Amino acid sequence: QVRLVESGGGLVQPGGSLRLSCAASGSIFSVYAMNWYRQAPGKQRELVASITNIGKTDYTDSVKGRFTISKDNTKNTVSLQMDSLKPEDTAVYYCNAYGGPLRPYNYWGQGTQVTVSS
C-alpha cells in the first residue's frame, strides 16, 4: 500500500499562492495517476488536478491557468502549485493515488486545509 501525507496548507489572502506537497511512503513511479482532490464545506469532493504515469496533466476548469501539478519520482512526492488563489478555493485538499482501470485501488492522504480569506 501507498501511504500519503499532505503538507503546505494554510491561510492565504486572495491573489496569493501556496504550494502543497504530498509525500508517499513508497514508489509512485508505477502508479497510474496521482491526483489532488478538494472538498469544501457543504460541497462534494471534486478532482482538481491529475498527473498520469506518463506525465499527462489535467485540471478542472475553475483552476486552469492558476494551478500546476507536478511529481518527482525520485523523491516520491507530488506537488500542487496554487497561484492567484480565490476564496472559492477554500477547502480541504487531499492527495490521491489511483491504480488505474485494471488495478482500481485508491489511496488517500489525511488532507490539508487551505483557507483563502482577507
Protein backbone atom coordinates (compact mmCIF):
# COMPACT_ATOMS: atom_id res chain seq x y z
CA GLN A 1 0.00 0.00 0.00
CA VAL A 2 0.96 3.61 -0.53
CA ARG A 3 0.77 5.93 2.44
CA LEU A 4 0.26 9.59 1.54
CA VAL A 5 0.89 12.61 3.73
CA GLU A 6 -0.04 16.13 2.63
CA SER A 7 1.53 19.34 3.85
CA GLY A 8 1.74 23.00 2.92
CA GLY A 9 -1.78 24.18 3.59
CA GLY A 10 -2.59 27.32 5.48
CA LEU A 11 -4.19 30.74 5.39
CA VAL A 12 -3.53 32.99 2.41
CA GLN A 13 -5.05 36.21 1.09
CA PRO A 14 -6.90 36.32 -2.23
CA GLY A 15 -4.41 36.55 -5.07
CA GLY A 16 -1.74 34.80 -3.05
CA SER A 17 0.00 31.49 -3.58
CA LEU A 18 0.52 28.21 -1.80
CA ARG A 19 2.41 25.07 -2.68
CA LEU A 20 1.04 21.77 -1.43
CA SER A 21 3.20 18.70 -1.14
CA CYS A 22 2.27 15.03 -0.94
CA ALA A 23 4.88 12.59 0.34
CA ALA A 24 4.42 8.91 -0.47
CA SER A 25 5.78 6.09 1.66
CA GLY A 26 6.60 4.02 -1.41
CA SER A 27 7.39 4.46 -5.06
CA ILE A 28 4.88 6.36 -7.17
CA PHE A 29 6.66 5.61 -10.42
CA SER A 30 4.19 2.89 -11.47
CA VAL A 31 1.05 4.50 -10.04
CA TYR A 32 -1.40 5.12 -12.86
CA ALA A 33 -2.25 8.62 -11.72
CA MET A 34 -1.58 10.93 -8.83
CA ASN A 35 -4.39 13.34 -8.12
CA TRP A 36 -5.34 16.27 -5.97
CA TYR A 37 -8.93 16.47 -4.77
CA ARG A 38 -10.60 19.06 -2.63
CA GLN A 39 -13.73 19.25 -0.56
CA ALA A 40 -15.28 22.48 0.63
CA PRO A 41 -17.87 22.65 3.42
CA GLY A 42 -21.28 21.63 2.11
CA LYS A 43 -19.90 20.54 -1.25
CA GLN A 44 -18.97 17.25 -2.84
CA ARG A 45 -15.37 16.22 -3.24
CA GLU A 46 -14.03 17.23 -6.64
CA LEU A 47 -11.00 16.31 -8.67
CA VAL A 48 -8.79 19.36 -9.04
CA ALA A 49 -5.71 18.13 -10.87
CA SER A 50 -4.16 14.89 -12.04
CA ILE A 51 -0.89 13.66 -13.47
CA THR A 52 -0.50 10.23 -15.05
CA ASN A 53 2.43 7.84 -15.11
CA ILE A 54 3.40 9.23 -18.50
CA GLY A 55 3.26 12.82 -17.36
CA LYS A 56 -0.08 13.90 -18.78
CA THR A 57 -1.75 16.56 -16.68
CA ASP A 58 -5.33 17.69 -16.44
CA TYR A 59 -7.20 20.27 -14.41
CA THR A 60 -10.74 21.17 -13.60
CA ASP A 61 -11.84 24.29 -15.47
CA SER A 62 -12.02 26.51 -12.42
CA VAL A 63 -8.28 26.19 -11.71
CA LYS A 64 -6.84 26.07 -15.23
CA GLY A 65 -4.09 28.61 -15.65
CA ARG A 66 -3.73 29.04 -11.89
CA PHE A 67 -2.75 25.60 -10.55
CA THR A 68 0.11 23.35 -11.63
CA ILE A 69 0.56 19.72 -10.64
CA SER A 70 3.94 18.04 -10.77
CA LYS A 71 5.70 15.00 -9.38
CA ASP A 72 9.19 13.88 -8.58
CA ASN A 73 9.53 10.12 -8.98
CA THR A 74 12.95 10.04 -7.36
CA LYS A 75 11.64 11.68 -4.19
CA ASN A 76 8.17 10.10 -4.35
CA THR A 77 6.44 13.43 -3.99
CA VAL A 78 3.60 15.17 -5.76
CA SER A 79 3.09 18.92 -5.59
CA LEU A 80 0.33 21.35 -6.37
CA GLN A 81 1.39 24.91 -7.01
CA MET A 82 -1.58 27.20 -6.48
CA ASP A 83 -1.39 30.78 -7.71
CA SER A 84 -3.94 33.60 -7.88
CA LEU A 85 -5.95 31.97 -5.15
CA LYS A 86 -9.60 32.84 -4.72
CA PRO A 87 -11.91 32.50 -1.72
CA GLU A 88 -13.76 29.73 -3.55
CA ASP A 89 -10.55 27.68 -3.49
CA THR A 90 -11.01 27.27 0.25
CA ALA A 91 -11.25 23.55 1.00
CA VAL A 92 -9.50 20.56 2.44
CA TYR A 93 -7.13 19.28 -0.20
CA TYR A 94 -6.41 15.55 -0.48
CA CYS A 95 -3.67 13.69 -2.27
CA ASN A 96 -4.79 10.53 -4.05
CA ALA A 97 -3.04 7.61 -5.71
CA TYR A 98 -5.14 5.80 -8.32
CA GLY A 99 -4.20 2.38 -9.61
CA GLY A 100 -6.00 2.65 -12.94
CA PRO A 101 -8.79 0.68 -14.61
CA LEU A 102 -7.03 -2.68 -14.29
CA ARG A 103 -5.97 -2.12 -10.67
CA PRO A 104 -8.59 0.30 -9.37
CA TYR A 105 -7.15 0.96 -5.96
CA ASN A 106 -7.31 4.34 -4.29
CA TYR A 107 -5.07 5.59 -1.51
CA TRP A 108 -5.75 8.86 0.27
CA GLY A 109 -3.86 11.26 2.43
CA GLN A 110 -5.25 12.83 5.58
CA GLY A 111 -5.90 16.18 3.91
CA THR A 112 -4.56 19.67 4.43
CA GLN A 113 -6.65 22.79 4.97
CA VAL A 114 -6.39 25.69 2.54
CA THR A 115 -8.16 28.88 3.51
CA VAL A 116 -8.26 31.89 1.19
CA SER A 117 -9.57 34.94 3.01
CA SER A 118 -8.91 38.61 3.54
